[in-house]
Amino acid sequence: MIHSSIEKHDVTDKSDITKIPSDRKPFGKINYIMMLICLAMIVVGFILMSGPGSSAETGFNPDIFSTRRIVVGPTISFLGFLFMAFAIIYTPKKKR
């Protein structure tokens, strides 16, 4: 039999879930705030990339090659994904 240092808890007692000490939780409040900001950056980047395309009926639309759609939008989305990885990995310093 393998012994572990994890304490056994009754799974049916849901009140134990909220009593997890903050040093055992995987993410803190700052992590969630940073992840929400990153998610907003990703959504804004995709919104900036959206717009009408070209079709056979309407003809060529030069707006598909605008700086907003091919530079600004993808850059903001990429930075959002990059910072999201940092937000997940970030561990705040412990208080003394």
C-alpha atoms as a PDB file:
ATOM      1  CA  MET A   1       0.000   0.000   0.000  1.00  0.00           C
ATOM      2  CA  ILE A   2       1.343   3.413  -0.933  1.00  0.00           C
ATOM      3  CA  HIS A   3       1.127   6.122   1.698  1.00  0.00           C
ATOM      4  CA  SER A   4       0.826   9.723   0.626  1.00  0.00           C
ATOM      5  CA  SER A   5       1.015  13.002   2.470  1.00  0.00           C
ATOM      6  CA  ILE A   6      -2.359  14.083   1.094  1.00  0.00           C
ATOM      7  CA  GLU A   7      -5.072  14.060   3.706  1.00  0.00           C
ATOM      8  CA  LYS A   8      -8.182  12.076   2.936  1.00  0.00           C
ATOM      9  CA  HIS A   9     -11.390  14.112   2.776  1.00  0.00           C
ATOM     10  CA  ASP A  10     -14.980  13.037   2.478  1.00  0.00           C
ATOM     11  CA  VAL A  11     -15.926  13.825  -1.113  1.00  0.00           C
ATOM     12  CA  THR A  12     -19.597  14.246  -0.265  1.00  0.00           C
ATOM     13  CA  ASP A  13     -18.893  17.118   2.147  1.00  0.00           C
ATOM     14  CA  LYS A  14     -18.738  20.147  -0.150  1.00  0.00           C
ATOM     15  CA  SER A  15     -17.922  22.581   2.670  1.00  0.00           C
ATOM     16  CA  ASP A  16     -14.314  21.317   2.698  1.00  0.00           C
ATOM     17  CA  ILE A  17     -13.726  22.689  -0.802  1.00  0.00           C
ATOM     18  CA  THR A  18     -13.999  26.289   0.356  1.00  0.00           C
ATOM     19  CA  LYS A  19     -11.676  25.647   3.309  1.00  0.00           C
ATOM     20  CA  ILE A  20      -8.575  25.037   1.193  1.00  0.00           C
ATOM     21  CA  PRO A  21      -5.731  27.196   2.519  1.00  0.00           C
ATOM     22  CA  SER A  22      -4.658  29.967   0.149  1.00  0.00           C
ATOM     23  CA  ASP A  23      -1.101  28.605  -0.070  1.00  0.00           C
ATOM     24  CA  ARG A  24      -2.481  25.342  -1.558  1.00  0.00           C
ATOM     25  CA  LYS A  25      -4.580  27.004  -4.294  1.00  0.00           C
ATOM     26  CA  PRO A  26      -3.027  26.934  -7.762  1.00  0.00           C
ATOM     27  CA  PHE A  27      -3.931  30.541  -8.652  1.00  0.00           C
ATOM     28  CA  GLY A  28      -4.278  33.686  -6.622  1.00  0.00           C
ATOM     29  CA  LYS A  29      -6.462  36.703  -7.192  1.00  0.00           C
ATOM     30  CA  ILE A  30      -3.727  38.469  -9.176  1.00  0.00           C
ATOM     31  CA  ASN A  31      -3.451  35.477 -11.544  1.00  0.00           C
ATOM     32  CA  TYR A  32      -7.166  35.624 -12.336  1.00  0.00           C
ATOM     33  CA  ILE A  33      -7.039  39.383 -12.909  1.00  0.00           C
ATOM     34  CA  MET A  34      -4.068  39.026 -15.266  1.00  0.00           C
ATOM     35  CA  MET A  35      -5.793  36.179 -17.146  1.00  0.00           C
ATOM     36  CA  LEU A  36      -8.945  38.280 -17.609  1.00  0.00           C
ATOM     37  CA  ILE A  37      -6.876  41.163 -18.982  1.00  0.00           C
ATOM     38  CA  CYS A  38      -5.118  38.777 -21.379  1.00  0.00           C
ATOM     39  CA  LEU A  39      -8.432  37.302 -22.487  1.00  0.00           C
ATOM     40  CA  ALA A  40      -9.719  40.814 -23.208  1.00  0.00           C
ATOM     41  CA  MET A  41      -6.561  41.533 -25.261  1.00  0.00           C
ATOM     42  CA  ILE A  42      -7.114  38.368 -27.317  1.00  0.00           C
ATOM     43  CA  VAL A  43     -10.763  39.209 -27.989  1.00  0.00           C
ATOM     44  CA  VAL A  44      -9.915  42.814 -28.949  1.00  0.00           C
ATOM     45  CA  GLY A  45      -7.230  41.536 -31.341  1.00  0.00           C
ATOM     46  CA  PHE A  46      -9.691  39.217 -33.050  1.00  0.00           C
ATOM     47  CA  ILE A  47     -12.278  41.992 -33.287  1.00  0.00           C
ATOM     48  CA  LEU A  48      -9.669  44.250 -34.928  1.00  0.00           C
ATOM     49  CA  MET A  49      -8.929  41.498 -37.469  1.00  0.00           C
ATOM     50  CA  SER A  50     -12.580  41.056 -38.414  1.00  0.00           C
ATOM     51  CA  GLY A  51     -14.384  42.821 -41.201  1.00  0.00           C
ATOM     52  CA  PRO A  52     -15.941  42.232 -44.578  1.00  0.00           C
ATOM     53  CA  GLY A  53     -13.993  40.212 -47.097  1.00  0.00           C
ATOM     54  CA  SER A  54     -13.833  40.200 -50.866  1.00  0.00           C
ATOM     55  CA  SER A  55     -16.337  38.257 -52.935  1.00  0.00           C
ATOM     56  CA  ALA A  56     -17.171  37.752 -56.578  1.00  0.00           C
ATOM     57  CA  GLU A  57     -20.334  39.868 -56.305  1.00  0.00           C
ATOM     58  CA  THR A  58     -18.813  42.904 -54.576  1.00  0.00           C
ATOM     59  CA  GLY A  59     -15.387  42.713 -56.178  1.00  0.00           C
ATOM     60  CA  PHE A  60     -12.022  43.324 -54.590  1.00  0.00           C
ATOM     61  CA  ASN A  61     -12.063  44.996 -51.172  1.00  0.00           C
ATOM     62  CA  PRO A  62      -8.695  46.703 -50.438  1.00  0.00           C
ATOM     63  CA  ASP A  63      -9.641  46.936 -46.739  1.00  0.00           C
ATOM     64  CA  ILE A  64      -8.554  43.303 -46.262  1.00  0.00           C
ATOM     65  CA  PHE A  65      -4.938  44.487 -46.439  1.00  0.00           C
ATOM     66  CA  SER A  66      -5.303  47.373 -43.971  1.00  0.00           C
ATOM     67  CA  THR A  67      -2.698  47.801 -41.238  1.00  0.00           C
ATOM     68  CA  ARG A  68      -5.345  47.316 -38.574  1.00  0.00           C
ATOM     69  CA  ARG A  69      -6.269  43.865 -39.910  1.00  0.00           C
ATOM     70  CA  ILE A  70      -2.846  42.442 -40.754  1.00  0.00           C
ATOM     71  CA  VAL A  71      -0.556  44.094 -38.161  1.00  0.00           C
ATOM     72  CA  VAL A  72      -2.344  45.622 -35.168  1.00  0.00           C
ATOM     73  CA  GLY A  73      -4.963  42.903 -34.558  1.00  0.00           C
ATOM     74  CA  PRO A  74      -2.614  39.912 -34.779  1.00  0.00           C
ATOM     75  CA  THR A  75       0.001  41.689 -32.648  1.00  0.00           C
ATOM     76  CA  ILE A  76      -2.479  42.409 -29.857  1.00  0.00           C
ATOM     77  CA  SER A  77      -3.787  38.825 -29.975  1.00  0.00           C
ATOM     78  CA  PHE A  78      -0.274  37.373 -29.948  1.00  0.00           C
ATOM     79  CA  LEU A  79       0.714  39.529 -26.962  1.00  0.00           C
ATOM     80  CA  GLY A  80      -2.468  38.422 -25.200  1.00  0.00           C
ATOM     81  CA  PHE A  81      -1.547  34.758 -25.698  1.00  0.00           C
ATOM     82  CA  LEU A  82       2.034  35.434 -24.604  1.00  0.00           C
ATOM     83  CA  PHE A  83       1.009  37.291 -21.459  1.00  0.00           C
ATOM     84  CA  MET A  84      -1.577  34.569 -20.717  1.00  0.00           C
ATOM     85  CA  ALA A  85       1.259  32.066 -20.380  1.00  0.00           C
ATOM     86  CA  PHE A  86       3.003  34.465 -18.005  1.00  0.00           C
ATOM     87  CA  ALA A  87      -0.236  34.969 -16.002  1.00  0.00           C
ATOM     88  CA  ILE A  88      -0.570  31.216 -15.536  1.00  0.00           C
ATOM     89  CA  ILE A  89       3.058  30.734 -14.501  1.00  0.00           C
ATOM     90  CA  TYR A  90       3.302  33.825 -12.264  1.00  0.00           C
ATOM     91  CA  THR A  91       3.628  33.108  -8.554  1.00  0.00           C
ATOM     92  CA  PRO A  92       3.290  36.105  -6.206  1.00  0.00           C
ATOM     93  CA  LYS A  93       5.895  36.534  -3.494  1.00  0.00           C
ATOM     94  CA  LYS A  94       4.852  35.258  -0.097  1.00  0.00           C
ATOM     95  CA  LYS A  95       4.157  37.753   2.703  1.00  0.00           C
ATOM     96  CA  ARG A  96       6.469  37.520   5.674  1.00  0.00           C
END
